Amino acid sequence: MPELNAIGIAVSDLRRSMLFYRLLGLDLPEEAQDGHVEATMANGTRLMFDAEDVIASFLPNWRRTDGNQVSLAFECASPAEVDEVYARIVAAGFEGEKEPWDAFWGQRYALLGDPDGVRVNLYAPLA
């Protein structure tokens, strides 16, 4: 059976996306190689970012379309960390889609938008 071990995101500005995800704590290299960069998570899953021209090099008819089909969720160690990470990323000039709140399902939650509109969820258990 195939196993999901990587998630890829096509990005319009690779350097800006790298900055955004570094602010979330991803260990990304300083420079991208051939329009591609990736980080390996603790569980071994890779989060990969490719410049749009890389995607177009093997899918010449590919075009970016708007949508909200993808979201990523980052678990924080505490509710206070949700607030701190959200504030740090918004202060760096990135989109804060929804400020931190105590969700009815028992988590401190916040929503960010990466440079290409990918929704990024921050959360931590309230208790």
C-alpha atoms as a PDB file:
ATOM      1  CA  MET A   1       0.000   0.000   0.000  1.00  0.00           C
ATOM      2  CA  PRO A   2       1.402   3.458  -0.837  1.00  0.00           C
ATOM      3  CA  GLU A   3       2.284   5.643   2.146  1.00  0.00           C
ATOM      4  CA  LEU A   4       1.906   9.404   2.242  1.00  0.00           C
ATOM      5  CA  ASN A   5       5.393  10.724   3.050  1.00  0.00           C
ATOM      6  CA  ALA A   6       5.464  14.162   1.432  1.00  0.00           C
ATOM      7  CA  ILE A   7       3.226  17.179   0.873  1.00  0.00           C
ATOM      8  CA  GLY A   8       4.090  19.574  -1.932  1.00  0.00           C
ATOM      9  CA  ILE A   9       3.083  23.200  -2.351  1.00  0.00           C
ATOM     10  CA  ALA A  10       3.637  25.259  -5.511  1.00  0.00           C
ATOM     11  CA  VAL A  11       4.688  28.759  -4.457  1.00  0.00           C
ATOM     12  CA  SER A  12       4.790  32.047  -6.342  1.00  0.00           C
ATOM     13  CA  ASP A  13       7.671  33.538  -4.296  1.00  0.00           C
ATOM     14  CA  LEU A  14       9.943  30.819  -2.939  1.00  0.00           C
ATOM     15  CA  ARG A  15      12.072  33.125  -0.762  1.00  0.00           C
ATOM     16  CA  ARG A  16       9.026  34.702   0.898  1.00  0.00           C
ATOM     17  CA  SER A  17       7.467  31.290   1.494  1.00  0.00           C
ATOM     18  CA  MET A  18      10.733  30.054   3.018  1.00  0.00           C
ATOM     19  CA  LEU A  19      10.713  33.027   5.418  1.00  0.00           C
ATOM     20  CA  PHE A  20       7.088  32.371   6.400  1.00  0.00           C
ATOM     21  CA  TYR A  21       7.671  28.696   7.148  1.00  0.00           C
ATOM     22  CA  ARG A  22      10.950  29.394   8.976  1.00  0.00           C
ATOM     23  CA  LEU A  23       8.956  31.686  11.275  1.00  0.00           C
ATOM     24  CA  LEU A  24       6.778  28.646  11.999  1.00  0.00           C
ATOM     25  CA  GLY A  25       9.892  26.718  13.018  1.00  0.00           C
ATOM     26  CA  LEU A  26      10.590  24.632   9.918  1.00  0.00           C
ATOM     27  CA  ASP A  27      14.248  23.857   9.375  1.00  0.00           C
ATOM     28  CA  LEU A  28      14.712  24.976   5.790  1.00  0.00           C
ATOM     29  CA  PRO A  29      18.077  25.482   4.089  1.00  0.00           C
ATOM     30  CA  GLU A  30      19.279  29.032   3.488  1.00  0.00           C
ATOM     31  CA  GLU A  31      19.090  28.632  -0.281  1.00  0.00           C
ATOM     32  CA  ALA A  32      16.743  26.701  -2.520  1.00  0.00           C
ATOM     33  CA  GLN A  33      18.239  24.373  -5.075  1.00  0.00           C
ATOM     34  CA  ASP A  34      16.746  24.465  -8.569  1.00  0.00           C
ATOM     35  CA  GLY A  35      13.554  26.122  -7.330  1.00  0.00           C
ATOM     36  CA  HIS A  36      12.902  23.417  -4.707  1.00  0.00           C
ATOM     37  CA  VAL A  37      13.253  23.282  -0.930  1.00  0.00           C
ATOM     38  CA  GLU A  38      11.920  20.899   1.693  1.00  0.00           C
ATOM     39  CA  ALA A  39      11.835  20.251   5.422  1.00  0.00           C
ATOM     40  CA  THR A  40      11.544  16.849   7.076  1.00  0.00           C
ATOM     41  CA  MET A  41       9.163  16.675  10.012  1.00  0.00           C
ATOM     42  CA  ALA A  42       9.873  14.665  13.182  1.00  0.00           C
ATOM     43  CA  ASN A  43       7.670  11.835  11.855  1.00  0.00           C
ATOM     44  CA  GLY A  44       9.652  11.689   8.599  1.00  0.00           C
ATOM     45  CA  THR A  45       7.048  13.403   6.406  1.00  0.00           C
ATOM     46  CA  ARG A  46       8.535  16.004   4.065  1.00  0.00           C
ATOM     47  CA  LEU A  47       6.937  19.371   3.385  1.00  0.00           C
ATOM     48  CA  MET A  48       8.145  20.434  -0.066  1.00  0.00           C
ATOM     49  CA  PHE A  49       7.961  23.822  -1.782  1.00  0.00           C
ATOM     50  CA  ASP A  50       8.450  24.273  -5.530  1.00  0.00           C
ATOM     51  CA  ALA A  51       8.614  27.514  -7.496  1.00  0.00           C
ATOM     52  CA  GLU A  52       5.863  27.817 -10.098  1.00  0.00           C
ATOM     53  CA  ASP A  53       8.360  27.641 -12.966  1.00  0.00           C
ATOM     54  CA  VAL A  54       9.525  24.232 -11.698  1.00  0.00           C
ATOM     55  CA  ILE A  55       5.964  22.908 -11.879  1.00  0.00           C
ATOM     56  CA  ALA A  56       5.517  24.433 -15.349  1.00  0.00           C
ATOM     57  CA  SER A  57       8.742  22.740 -16.521  1.00  0.00           C
ATOM     58  CA  PHE A  58       7.070  19.319 -16.396  1.00  0.00           C
ATOM     59  CA  LEU A  59       3.406  20.417 -16.651  1.00  0.00           C
ATOM     60  CA  PRO A  60       3.527  23.148 -19.308  1.00  0.00           C
ATOM     61  CA  ASN A  61      -0.241  23.795 -19.157  1.00  0.00           C
ATOM     62  CA  TRP A  62      -0.265  24.197 -15.361  1.00  0.00           C
ATOM     63  CA  ARG A  63      -1.684  27.468 -14.043  1.00  0.00           C
ATOM     64  CA  ARG A  64      -2.238  28.654 -10.486  1.00  0.00           C
ATOM     65  CA  THR A  65      -5.893  28.801  -9.535  1.00  0.00           C
ATOM     66  CA  ASP A  66      -7.368  30.343  -6.440  1.00  0.00           C
ATOM     67  CA  GLY A  67      -8.869  28.027  -3.923  1.00  0.00           C
ATOM     68  CA  ASN A  68      -8.761  26.728  -0.431  1.00  0.00           C
ATOM     69  CA  GLN A  69      -8.158  23.044  -1.027  1.00  0.00           C
ATOM     70  CA  VAL A  70      -5.094  22.781   1.231  1.00  0.00           C
ATOM     71  CA  SER A  71      -4.491  23.699   4.837  1.00  0.00           C
ATOM     72  CA  LEU A  72      -1.641  22.822   7.150  1.00  0.00           C
ATOM     73  CA  ALA A  73      -1.921  22.450  10.929  1.00  0.00           C
ATOM     74  CA  PHE A  74       0.918  23.150  13.357  1.00  0.00           C
ATOM     75  CA  GLU A  75       0.492  21.952  16.945  1.00  0.00           C
ATOM     76  CA  CYS A  76       1.894  24.347  19.536  1.00  0.00           C
ATOM     77  CA  ALA A  77       3.105  23.371  23.000  1.00  0.00           C
ATOM     78  CA  SER A  78       0.661  25.666  24.810  1.00  0.00           C
ATOM     79  CA  PRO A  79      -2.119  28.197  24.241  1.00  0.00           C
ATOM     80  CA  ALA A  80       0.422  30.959  24.929  1.00  0.00           C
ATOM     81  CA  GLU A  81       2.616  29.632  22.114  1.00  0.00           C
ATOM     82  CA  VAL A  82      -0.334  29.881  19.694  1.00  0.00           C
ATOM     83  CA  ASP A  83      -0.589  33.583  20.587  1.00  0.00           C
ATOM     84  CA  GLU A  84       3.184  34.145  20.344  1.00  0.00           C
ATOM     85  CA  VAL A  85       3.626  32.410  16.983  1.00  0.00           C
ATOM     86  CA  TYR A  86       0.593  34.170  15.504  1.00  0.00           C
ATOM     87  CA  ALA A  87       1.840  37.598  16.693  1.00  0.00           C
ATOM     88  CA  ARG A  88       5.393  36.978  15.428  1.00  0.00           C
ATOM     89  CA  ILE A  89       4.249  35.970  11.950  1.00  0.00           C
ATOM     90  CA  VAL A  90       1.731  38.818  11.594  1.00  0.00           C
ATOM     91  CA  ALA A  91       4.385  41.290  12.819  1.00  0.00           C
ATOM     92  CA  ALA A  92       6.657  40.015  10.032  1.00  0.00           C
ATOM     93  CA  GLY A  93       4.053  41.192   7.502  1.00  0.00           C
ATOM     94  CA  PHE A  94       2.184  37.965   6.782  1.00  0.00           C
ATOM     95  CA  GLU A  95      -1.595  37.515   6.749  1.00  0.00           C
ATOM     96  CA  GLY A  96      -3.375  36.856  10.003  1.00  0.00           C
ATOM     97  CA  GLU A  97      -6.644  35.344   8.810  1.00  0.00           C
ATOM     98  CA  LYS A  98      -8.198  34.909  12.277  1.00  0.00           C
ATOM     99  CA  GLU A  99      -6.684  35.984  15.578  1.00  0.00           C
ATOM    100  CA  PRO A 100      -6.232  33.369  18.321  1.00  0.00           C
ATOM    101  CA  TRP A 101      -9.418  32.289  20.103  1.00  0.00           C
ATOM    102  CA  ASP A 102     -10.541  29.596  22.510  1.00  0.00           C
ATOM    103  CA  ALA A 103     -12.459  27.219  20.262  1.00  0.00           C
ATOM    104  CA  PHE A 104     -15.497  25.351  21.543  1.00  0.00           C
ATOM    105  CA  TRP A 105     -13.752  22.042  20.789  1.00  0.00           C
ATOM    106  CA  GLY A 106     -11.191  22.691  23.520  1.00  0.00           C
ATOM    107  CA  GLN A 107      -8.233  24.212  21.701  1.00  0.00           C
ATOM    108  CA  ARG A 108      -6.572  27.603  21.427  1.00  0.00           C
ATOM    109  CA  TYR A 109      -6.740  28.170  17.687  1.00  0.00           C
ATOM    110  CA  ALA A 110      -5.563  30.727  15.124  1.00  0.00           C
ATOM    111  CA  LEU A 111      -5.484  30.942  11.335  1.00  0.00           C
ATOM    112  CA  LEU A 112      -2.727  32.391   9.154  1.00  0.00           C
ATOM    113  CA  GLY A 113      -2.382  32.698   5.390  1.00  0.00           C
ATOM    114  CA  ASP A 114       0.947  31.871   3.781  1.00  0.00           C
ATOM    115  CA  PRO A 115       2.222  34.026   0.867  1.00  0.00           C
ATOM    116  CA  ASP A 116       0.129  32.009  -1.626  1.00  0.00           C
ATOM    117  CA  GLY A 117      -3.055  31.835   0.435  1.00  0.00           C
ATOM    118  CA  VAL A 118      -2.525  28.373   1.915  1.00  0.00           C
ATOM    119  CA  ARG A 119      -4.358  28.318   5.238  1.00  0.00           C
ATOM    120  CA  VAL A 120      -2.111  27.529   8.195  1.00  0.00           C
ATOM    121  CA  ASN A 121      -3.782  26.480  11.448  1.00  0.00           C
ATOM    122  CA  LEU A 122      -2.084  26.933  14.813  1.00  0.00           C
ATOM    123  CA  TYR A 123      -3.533  25.042  17.779  1.00  0.00           C
ATOM    124  CA  ALA A 124      -2.893  23.793  21.294  1.00  0.00           C
ATOM    125  CA  PRO A 125      -5.102  22.032  23.844  1.00  0.00           C
ATOM    126  CA  LEU A 126      -6.677  24.418  26.343  1.00  0.00           C
ATOM    127  CA  ALA A 127      -6.316  22.004  29.276  1.00  0.00           C
END
